[in-house]
Amino acid sequence: MRLVHLDLKGAAPRVSYLEQVFPLLSQLGANGILIEYEDMFPFQGELEILKSPYAYSEEDIERIQQLAELNKLEVVPLVQTFGHVEFILKHEKYQHLREVERFPNSFNPHVPETLALLKSILSQVIEKHRGSTWIHIGADEVFHLGEGMDSKNWMSRNKGDTGTMYLKHIKEVLGFIATQYRGLRALMWDDMLRKISVGALRGERMGTAAVAPEATLAGVVPCAQQEPIPGPVRTQVLGEHEEPQAAYCRWHWCPRPHPCSSHRVRDSEARLAHGYDHYSVLCELLPVGIPSLAICLQTLVNGGFTDETKRKVLDTLGFQSMQLEQSTCEGRGAFPGAEIYHMVEQVNGHLKESILKALEEESAIKGWFSPYHRKHQFGNPRNMESFGSKVLKLHEDWESFVRDLRAHLERVYFPDTVEEWMEENINPYLDQLRDLVRDYR
């Protein structure tokens, strides 16, 4: 299985865009889509509070699955069942289910309501994916596990540790799935399991499961791995160049190209320290990440970044050439969202630089149009006219560019995503120019 993970905790694309992207993913070698809906799922009844105002409709969920089937992509829904549940625990209604009262990251596994809520969430998602043979239960990055008073009391009473507590909760979740949905297989991330001793894992019979590697956020990234495991869960964690010991367990590693746009959330060390969550700013936009994704998929298909890999990526995406070290692709590009890819490159490479250059290096602005002059509306027209036409032209060009970019973004994304992206990437620089032009006029 070569799964593309759509993490919809931010910048969820419109279904009309997925309609264009799914054929491309299939062409590049993907055969499945792992969908982490978060608040984009159309929860009903008691759970309706979890829905985003822009959540997909039931018809949208059905359409996504039809599109996937049409493109020979297996849909695997992902429901977080322990950590990464900020979209649930941020609501006052569910605050009492937090492991640590102050933090909305992780569930308290000792409150009976936690499992009851998870059963309800899992049921609604699974019922809308009856054609899926897999369910992914997340279970990665359970921050603050063991820090809550209930957990401390449990460990004291049971002479246990966070590992046994973690396994106890996961077994309850898997037990529910096995009982209610016979034949449905479970996937989970493996980062928390790595911290648990082999002895403890052997002591817990967890049935047939599949363990997928948590994506590392620096250096190399495991693209995909799935392993059917008879009896107790068994994981194998390999370094970049290690070969798997067992024939049935195949690991694929591929170098991750650096992001090609300005949409870097934070540096890799900070991301590893804090984790990526529901509260973070937007990460890379999907159209901007497609060249990187294409390289990873084709590297996975061909067993390495060969000349054949590069040629297939260039032909499929409509580029003339690419330089991985510089994170650049040359050519117009002919993939869904290519216009956004190029426009974000323009923002990244020129917006901030051109505006700061105009405002800070123009001596007439520094000498005759300082913040003091602007505040008191005091200045000599002769000196102001020396920079006026240049600044007005720069402002007009960028405003026109941003209008076009917004129109392209609105075809792919919902209004909240467009606004957040503009606020984070455009306005901090363009607003300075807007203010100067207003004062000049």
Protein backbone atom coordinates (compact mmCIF):
# COMPACT_ATOMS: atom_id res chain seq x y z
CA MET A 1 0.00 0.00 0.00
CA ARG A 2 1.31 3.43 -0.99
CA LEU A 3 -0.87 5.87 0.91
CA VAL A 4 -1.04 9.64 0.57
CA HIS A 5 -1.98 11.14 3.94
CA LEU A 6 -4.46 14.01 3.73
CA ASP A 7 -4.30 15.69 7.13
CA LEU A 8 -7.32 17.99 7.12
CA LYS A 9 -6.60 19.81 10.40
CA GLY A 10 -5.92 22.86 8.21
CA ALA A 11 -6.28 23.85 4.54
CA ALA A 12 -8.78 21.12 3.65
CA PRO A 13 -9.26 21.24 -0.14
CA ARG A 14 -12.64 21.45 -1.82
CA VAL A 15 -13.94 18.16 -3.25
CA SER A 16 -13.77 19.71 -6.73
CA TYR A 17 -9.99 19.97 -6.31
CA LEU A 18 -9.67 16.38 -5.08
CA GLU A 19 -11.49 15.42 -8.28
CA GLN A 20 -8.51 16.82 -10.20
CA VAL A 21 -5.81 15.56 -7.82
CA PHE A 22 -6.85 11.89 -7.36
CA PRO A 23 -6.07 10.90 -10.98
CA LEU A 24 -2.64 12.52 -10.61
CA LEU A 25 -1.88 10.64 -7.37
CA SER A 26 -2.87 7.37 -9.01
CA GLN A 27 -0.70 8.16 -12.03
CA LEU A 28 2.26 8.86 -9.72
CA GLY A 29 1.95 5.47 -8.01
CA ALA A 30 -0.36 5.94 -5.01
CA ASN A 31 -2.95 3.24 -4.45
CA GLY A 32 -4.61 4.62 -1.34
CA ILE A 33 -5.63 7.79 0.51
CA LEU A 34 -5.32 8.06 4.28
CA ILE A 35 -7.85 10.72 5.31
CA GLU A 36 -7.53 12.38 8.71
CA TYR A 37 -10.79 14.32 8.73
CA GLU A 38 -10.62 16.00 12.15
CA ASP A 39 -13.37 18.68 12.13
CA MET A 40 -14.05 18.29 8.39
CA PHE A 41 -16.22 15.20 8.98
CA PRO A 42 -20.02 15.77 9.03
CA PHE A 43 -20.55 14.60 12.61
CA GLN A 44 -24.18 14.29 13.69
CA GLY A 45 -26.23 14.39 16.87
CA GLU A 46 -24.25 14.86 20.07
CA LEU A 47 -21.05 15.15 18.05
CA GLU A 48 -22.23 17.96 15.79
CA ILE A 49 -20.29 20.47 17.91
CA LEU A 50 -17.04 19.00 16.49
CA LYS A 51 -17.83 20.10 12.93
CA SER A 52 -16.07 22.99 11.23
CA PRO A 53 -18.41 25.54 9.57
CA TYR A 54 -16.87 24.33 6.29
CA ALA A 55 -17.04 20.58 7.05
CA TYR A 56 -17.68 18.22 4.15
CA SER A 57 -21.30 17.12 3.75
CA GLU A 58 -22.38 13.46 3.76
CA GLU A 59 -22.66 13.77 -0.02
CA ASP A 60 -19.07 15.06 -0.13
CA ILE A 61 -17.83 12.02 1.85
CA GLU A 62 -19.63 9.74 -0.59
CA ARG A 63 -18.23 11.64 -3.58
CA ILE A 64 -14.65 11.44 -2.22
CA GLN A 65 -14.99 7.66 -2.00
CA GLN A 66 -16.45 7.44 -5.50
CA LEU A 67 -13.56 9.50 -6.87
CA ALA A 68 -11.07 7.29 -5.04
CA GLU A 69 -12.64 4.10 -6.40
CA LEU A 70 -12.66 5.57 -9.90
CA ASN A 71 -8.91 6.16 -9.59
CA LYS A 72 -8.14 2.81 -7.91
CA LEU A 73 -7.30 4.46 -4.59
CA GLU A 74 -8.28 2.67 -1.39
CA VAL A 75 -9.70 5.02 1.24
CA VAL A 76 -8.42 4.57 4.81
CA PRO A 77 -10.12 6.90 7.31
CA LEU A 78 -7.99 8.04 10.26
CA VAL A 79 -9.57 8.76 13.64
CA GLN A 80 -7.23 9.93 16.40
CA THR A 81 -7.99 7.92 19.55
CA PHE A 82 -5.51 9.15 22.17
CA GLY A 83 -3.38 12.20 21.26
CA HIS A 84 -3.88 14.92 18.63
CA VAL A 85 -7.46 15.45 19.78
CA GLU A 86 -7.38 19.24 20.18
CA PHE A 87 -10.33 19.56 17.80
CA ILE A 88 -12.38 17.63 20.38
CA LEU A 89 -10.92 18.72 23.72
CA LYS A 90 -10.87 22.44 22.86
CA HIS A 91 -14.67 22.41 23.36
CA GLU A 92 -15.91 23.16 26.87
CA LYS A 93 -18.28 20.20 26.55
CA TYR A 94 -15.32 17.78 26.50
CA GLN A 95 -12.72 19.59 28.61
CA HIS A 96 -13.27 17.18 31.51
CA LEU A 97 -11.82 14.39 29.33
CA ARG A 98 -8.34 15.96 29.13
CA GLU A 99 -5.36 14.07 30.56
CA VAL A 100 -4.06 17.37 31.94
CA GLU A 101 -6.73 20.01 32.57
CA ARG A 102 -4.73 22.88 30.98
CA PHE A 103 -3.88 21.11 27.73
CA PRO A 104 -6.28 19.93 25.00
CA ASN A 105 -3.80 17.50 23.38
CA SER A 106 -4.62 14.10 24.86
CA PHE A 107 -7.45 12.06 26.36
CA ASN A 108 -7.61 10.90 29.96
CA PRO A 109 -7.88 7.11 29.39
CA HIS A 110 -9.31 6.46 32.86
CA VAL A 111 -12.60 8.33 32.47
CA PRO A 112 -15.26 5.92 31.08
CA GLU A 113 -16.70 8.76 28.98
CA THR A 114 -13.47 8.86 26.93
CA LEU A 115 -14.00 5.39 25.47
CA ALA A 116 -17.73 6.03 25.07
CA LEU A 117 -16.99 9.19 23.07
CA LEU A 118 -14.40 7.40 20.94
CA LYS A 119 -16.83 4.58 20.17
CA SER A 120 -19.34 7.16 19.01
CA ILE A 121 -16.80 8.99 16.81
CA LEU A 122 -15.39 5.76 15.34
CA SER A 123 -18.88 4.45 14.62
CA GLN A 124 -19.95 7.56 12.71
CA VAL A 125 -16.76 7.57 10.61
CA ILE A 126 -16.71 3.81 9.93
CA GLU A 127 -20.41 3.76 9.01
CA LYS A 128 -19.71 6.33 6.29
CA HIS A 129 -16.80 4.18 4.98
CA ARG A 130 -18.34 0.74 4.70
CA GLY A 131 -16.23 0.02 1.62
CA SER A 132 -12.96 0.50 3.54
CA THR A 133 -11.07 -2.55 4.78
CA TRP A 134 -8.77 -0.51 7.04
CA ILE A 135 -9.27 1.99 9.86
CA HIS A 136 -6.32 4.04 11.19
CA ILE A 137 -6.54 4.84 14.91
CA GLY A 138 -3.68 7.38 15.00
CA ALA A 139 -2.42 7.00 18.60
CA ASP A 140 0.80 8.98 18.03
CA GLU A 141 2.34 11.78 20.11
CA VAL A 142 0.24 11.32 23.26
CA PHE A 143 1.68 14.35 24.99
CA HIS A 144 1.46 14.60 28.81
CA LEU A 145 0.47 10.95 29.18
CA GLY A 146 0.88 9.96 32.82
CA GLU A 147 0.93 13.55 34.08
CA GLY A 148 -2.74 13.69 35.09
CA MET A 149 -3.77 12.77 38.62
CA ASP A 150 -5.95 9.86 37.44
CA SER A 151 -2.99 8.40 35.55
CA LYS A 152 -0.64 8.82 38.50
CA ASN A 153 -3.12 7.05 40.77
CA TRP A 154 -3.60 4.25 38.24
CA MET A 155 0.13 3.66 37.86
CA SER A 156 0.56 3.64 41.64
CA ARG A 157 -2.28 1.16 42.20
CA ASN A 158 -1.32 -1.14 39.33
CA LYS A 159 2.47 -0.86 39.62
CA GLY A 160 2.42 0.13 35.97
CA ASP A 161 4.03 2.73 33.77
CA THR A 162 2.90 4.94 30.89
CA GLY A 163 3.63 2.12 28.43
CA THR A 164 1.23 -0.37 30.05
CA MET A 165 -1.34 2.40 30.43
CA TYR A 166 -1.00 3.28 26.75
CA LEU A 167 -1.39 -0.36 25.67
CA LYS A 168 -4.44 -0.81 27.93
CA HIS A 169 -6.26 2.06 26.22
CA ILE A 170 -5.23 0.98 22.70
CA LYS A 171 -6.42 -2.58 23.41
CA GLU A 172 -9.82 -1.22 24.46
CA VAL A 173 -10.10 0.77 21.22
CA LEU A 174 -8.98 -2.19 19.07
CA GLY A 175 -11.30 -4.49 21.03
CA PHE A 176 -14.27 -2.30 20.17
CA ILE A 177 -13.35 -2.29 16.46
CA ALA A 178 -12.78 -6.06 16.39
CA THR A 179 -16.11 -6.75 18.10
CA GLN A 180 -18.29 -4.26 16.25
CA TYR A 181 -16.69 -4.37 12.80
CA ARG A 182 -15.44 -7.88 12.11
CA GLY A 183 -12.94 -8.03 9.29
CA LEU A 184 -11.94 -4.38 9.58
CA ARG A 185 -8.18 -4.12 10.06
CA ALA A 186 -6.48 -1.47 12.17
CA LEU A 187 -3.48 0.73 11.45
CA MET A 188 -1.67 2.92 13.97
CA TRP A 189 1.45 5.09 14.12
CA ASP A 190 4.39 3.44 15.86
CA ASP A 191 6.18 6.26 17.72
CA MET A 192 4.62 5.54 21.12
CA LEU A 193 5.25 1.79 20.73
CA ARG A 194 8.96 2.46 20.21
CA LYS A 195 9.15 3.66 23.82
CA ILE A 196 7.65 0.42 25.19
CA SER A 197 9.84 -2.60 25.98
CA VAL A 198 9.60 -5.70 23.81
CA GLY A 199 8.66 -7.65 26.93
CA ALA A 200 5.70 -5.40 27.63
CA LEU A 201 4.55 -5.67 24.01
CA ARG A 202 4.80 -9.46 24.07
CA GLY A 203 2.82 -9.51 27.26
CA GLU A 204 -0.09 -7.75 25.58
CA ARG A 205 -1.87 -9.78 22.92
CA MET A 206 -3.20 -7.12 20.56
CA GLY A 207 -4.36 -9.28 17.67
CA THR A 208 -3.55 -8.60 14.04
CA ALA A 209 -2.55 -5.01 13.53
CA ALA A 210 -0.45 -2.95 11.24
CA VAL A 211 2.04 -0.43 12.47
CA ALA A 212 3.01 2.52 10.31
CA PRO A 213 6.01 4.71 11.02
CA GLU A 214 5.33 8.19 12.32
CA ALA A 215 6.69 10.68 9.79
CA THR A 216 9.96 12.14 11.00
CA LEU A 217 10.08 15.87 10.49
CA ALA A 218 13.73 16.24 9.57
CA GLY A 219 16.23 14.45 7.40
CA VAL A 220 14.67 11.32 5.99
CA VAL A 221 11.01 10.45 5.98
CA PRO A 222 9.56 6.95 5.85
CA CYS A 223 7.11 7.19 2.96
CA ALA A 224 5.01 4.17 3.79
CA GLN A 225 5.08 0.88 5.59
CA GLN A 226 2.47 -1.61 6.58
CA GLU A 227 3.02 -4.92 8.24
CA PRO A 228 0.46 -7.62 9.11
CA ILE A 229 1.53 -9.01 12.46
CA PRO A 230 0.32 -12.34 13.81
CA GLY A 231 -0.20 -12.37 17.56
CA PRO A 232 1.43 -9.58 19.56
CA VAL A 233 2.32 -6.33 17.86
CA ARG A 234 5.87 -6.40 16.49
CA THR A 235 7.60 -3.32 15.17
CA GLN A 236 10.88 -2.90 13.40
CA VAL A 237 12.41 0.55 13.39
CA LEU A 238 15.14 0.97 10.80
CA GLY A 239 17.73 3.67 10.31
CA GLU A 240 18.24 5.37 6.97
CA HIS A 241 20.44 2.68 5.41
CA GLU A 242 19.42 -0.46 7.31
CA GLU A 243 17.87 -3.41 5.54
CA PRO A 244 14.82 -5.14 7.05
CA GLN A 245 15.61 -8.52 8.62
CA ALA A 246 12.33 -10.26 7.82
CA ALA A 247 11.17 -10.86 4.27
CA TYR A 248 7.57 -9.83 4.96
CA CYS A 249 8.50 -6.42 6.35
CA ARG A 250 9.55 -3.94 3.69
CA TRP A 251 10.57 -0.41 4.61
CA HIS A 252 10.94 2.37 2.11
CA TRP A 253 12.89 5.51 2.90
CA CYS A 254 13.16 8.53 0.69
CA PRO A 255 14.93 11.85 1.11
CA ARG A 256 12.50 14.67 1.70
CA PRO A 257 13.05 17.67 -0.55
CA HIS A 258 12.99 20.99 1.26
CA PRO A 259 9.72 22.94 1.00
CA CYS A 260 9.61 25.08 -2.13
CA SER A 261 7.54 27.93 -0.72
CA SER A 262 7.38 30.29 2.21
CA HIS A 263 4.90 28.05 3.97
CA ARG A 264 7.32 26.65 6.49
CA VAL A 265 5.58 26.26 9.81
CA ARG A 266 8.74 26.30 11.88
CA ASP A 267 12.16 24.71 11.70
CA SER A 268 12.41 20.95 12.05
CA GLU A 269 13.78 21.01 15.59
CA ALA A 270 10.87 23.09 16.82
CA ARG A 271 8.40 20.85 15.02
CA LEU A 272 9.92 17.78 16.64
CA ALA A 273 9.82 19.45 20.04
CA HIS A 274 6.23 20.68 19.87
CA GLY A 275 4.49 18.40 17.38
CA TYR A 276 2.09 19.62 14.73
CA ASP A 277 -1.43 20.23 15.97
CA HIS A 278 -4.86 21.75 15.43
CA TYR A 279 -3.63 25.14 16.70
CA SER A 280 -0.59 25.50 14.44
CA VAL A 281 -0.46 27.88 11.50
CA LEU A 282 -1.04 26.32 8.09
CA CYS A 283 1.65 24.04 6.77
CA GLU A 284 2.54 23.71 3.07
CA LEU A 285 -0.44 24.17 0.75
CA LEU A 286 -1.26 20.98 -1.17
CA PRO A 287 -0.65 22.43 -4.69
CA VAL A 288 2.76 23.70 -3.51
CA GLY A 289 3.65 20.30 -2.04
CA ILE A 290 2.69 18.28 -5.14
CA PRO A 291 6.17 18.27 -6.77
CA SER A 292 7.70 17.02 -3.50
CA LEU A 293 4.93 14.43 -3.14
CA ALA A 294 5.41 13.32 -6.75
CA ILE A 295 9.13 12.75 -6.15
CA CYS A 296 8.43 10.72 -2.99
CA LEU A 297 5.80 8.54 -4.68
CA GLN A 298 7.90 7.82 -7.74
CA THR A 299 10.99 7.16 -5.59
CA LEU A 300 8.91 4.65 -3.66
CA VAL A 301 7.62 3.00 -6.84
CA ASN A 302 11.09 2.74 -8.44
CA GLY A 303 13.08 1.91 -5.30
CA GLY A 304 15.23 5.02 -5.58
CA PHE A 305 15.50 8.47 -7.13
CA THR A 306 16.64 7.21 -10.52
CA ASP A 307 16.76 8.95 -13.90
CA GLU A 308 13.53 7.12 -14.72
CA THR A 309 11.96 8.53 -11.53
CA LYS A 310 12.98 12.08 -12.44
CA ARG A 311 11.79 11.74 -16.05
CA LYS A 312 8.37 10.39 -14.98
CA VAL A 313 7.91 13.22 -12.45
CA LEU A 314 8.86 15.90 -15.00
CA ASP A 315 6.58 14.42 -17.69
CA THR A 316 3.65 14.01 -15.31
CA LEU A 317 3.91 17.49 -13.80
CA GLY A 318 4.82 19.30 -17.02
CA PHE A 319 8.17 20.70 -15.87
CA GLN A 320 11.34 20.99 -17.97
CA SER A 321 13.80 20.35 -15.13
CA MET A 322 14.16 20.31 -11.36
CA GLN A 323 16.95 20.98 -8.88
CA LEU A 324 16.36 19.18 -5.60
CA GLU A 325 19.16 20.99 -3.78
CA GLN A 326 17.61 24.39 -4.61
CA SER A 327 14.02 23.10 -4.26
CA THR A 328 13.17 24.52 -7.68
CA CYS A 329 11.24 23.27 -10.68
CA GLU A 330 11.66 24.97 -14.05
CA GLY A 331 8.78 25.21 -16.52
CA ARG A 332 5.11 26.14 -16.50
CA GLY A 333 3.83 22.96 -14.90
CA ALA A 334 0.64 21.22 -15.97
CA PHE A 335 -0.76 19.74 -12.76
CA PRO A 336 -3.85 20.81 -10.76
CA GLY A 337 -2.88 23.94 -8.81
CA ALA A 338 0.28 24.69 -10.81
CA GLU A 339 -0.72 28.39 -10.89
CA ILE A 340 -0.79 28.44 -7.08
CA TYR A 341 2.60 26.68 -6.98
CA HIS A 342 4.20 29.41 -9.12
CA MET A 343 2.42 32.29 -7.40
CA VAL A 344 3.47 31.09 -3.95
CA GLU A 345 7.03 30.92 -5.29
CA GLN A 346 6.66 34.58 -6.31
CA VAL A 347 5.43 35.49 -2.82
CA ASN A 348 8.26 33.57 -1.23
CA GLY A 349 10.98 34.93 -3.47
CA HIS A 350 9.97 38.53 -4.10
CA LEU A 351 7.12 40.01 -2.02
CA LYS A 352 8.95 40.70 1.25
CA GLU A 353 12.22 41.59 -0.47
CA SER A 354 10.73 44.06 -2.97
CA ILE A 355 8.64 45.88 -0.36
CA LEU A 356 11.40 46.15 2.25
CA LYS A 357 13.78 47.35 -0.44
CA ALA A 358 11.36 50.09 -1.49
CA LEU A 359 10.65 51.20 2.08
CA GLU A 360 14.12 50.95 3.59
CA GLU A 361 16.52 51.73 0.77
CA GLU A 362 14.74 54.74 -0.74
CA SER A 363 16.57 57.71 0.81
CA ALA A 364 13.73 60.16 0.04
CA ILE A 365 11.35 58.04 2.12
CA LYS A 366 13.80 57.87 5.00
CA GLY A 367 14.59 61.59 4.89
CA TRP A 368 11.31 63.23 3.87
CA PHE A 369 8.57 60.70 4.62
CA SER A 370 9.47 59.24 8.00
CA PRO A 371 6.89 57.91 10.51
CA TYR A 372 6.99 61.39 12.08
CA HIS A 373 6.15 63.12 8.76
CA ARG A 374 3.35 60.62 8.13
CA LYS A 375 1.87 60.96 11.59
CA HIS A 376 1.72 64.75 11.32
CA GLN A 377 0.93 64.90 7.57
CA PHE A 378 3.91 67.13 6.94
CA GLY A 379 6.16 66.92 3.89
CA ASN A 380 7.57 68.61 0.80
CA PRO A 381 5.78 67.48 -2.41
CA ARG A 382 9.01 67.96 -4.37
CA ASN A 383 10.78 65.26 -2.38
CA MET A 384 7.72 63.03 -2.11
CA GLU A 385 7.24 62.98 -5.87
CA SER A 386 10.75 61.62 -6.28
CA PHE A 387 9.65 58.24 -4.91
CA GLY A 388 5.87 58.40 -5.36
CA SER A 389 5.44 56.92 -8.85
CA LYS A 390 7.79 54.02 -8.04
CA VAL A 391 5.95 53.15 -4.80
CA LEU A 392 2.49 53.50 -6.40
CA LYS A 393 3.54 51.19 -9.24
CA LEU A 394 4.91 48.58 -6.84
CA HIS A 395 1.68 48.74 -4.81
CA GLU A 396 -0.52 48.44 -7.88
CA ASP A 397 1.46 45.45 -9.22
CA TRP A 398 1.30 43.51 -5.96
CA GLU A 399 -2.40 44.26 -5.38
CA SER A 400 -3.19 42.97 -8.87
CA PHE A 401 -1.06 39.87 -8.25
CA VAL A 402 -2.76 39.19 -4.90
CA ARG A 403 -6.23 39.49 -6.47
CA ASP A 404 -5.26 36.79 -8.97
CA LEU A 405 -3.73 34.60 -6.26
CA ARG A 406 -6.84 34.93 -4.09
CA ALA A 407 -9.05 33.89 -7.03
CA HIS A 408 -6.93 30.76 -7.60
CA LEU A 409 -6.89 29.91 -3.87
CA GLU A 410 -10.68 30.29 -3.63
CA ARG A 411 -11.14 27.64 -6.32
CA VAL A 412 -9.22 25.14 -4.20
CA TYR A 413 -9.91 26.19 -0.60
CA PHE A 414 -12.67 27.38 1.70
CA PRO A 415 -12.73 31.05 2.84
CA ASP A 416 -11.17 30.39 6.26
CA THR A 417 -8.07 28.84 4.68
CA VAL A 418 -7.70 31.64 2.13
CA GLU A 419 -7.94 34.30 4.86
CA GLU A 420 -5.45 32.55 7.15
CA TRP A 421 -2.95 32.09 4.32
CA MET A 422 -3.22 35.75 3.33
CA GLU A 423 -2.88 36.89 6.95
CA GLU A 424 0.24 34.78 7.47
CA ASN A 425 2.05 35.25 4.17
CA ILE A 426 0.86 38.40 2.40
CA ASN A 427 -0.46 40.98 4.84
CA PRO A 428 2.58 41.32 7.14
CA TYR A 429 4.48 42.82 4.17
CA LEU A 430 1.84 44.23 1.84
CA ASP A 431 0.09 46.08 4.70
CA GLN A 432 3.28 48.13 5.22
CA LEU A 433 3.15 49.20 1.58
CA ARG A 434 -0.61 49.82 1.75
CA ASP A 435 -0.15 52.08 4.79
CA LEU A 436 2.63 54.06 3.10
CA VAL A 437 0.55 54.56 -0.08
CA ARG A 438 -2.45 55.68 2.00
CA ASP A 439 -0.34 58.23 3.84
CA TYR A 440 1.32 59.39 0.61
CA ARG A 441 -2.02 60.03 -1.03
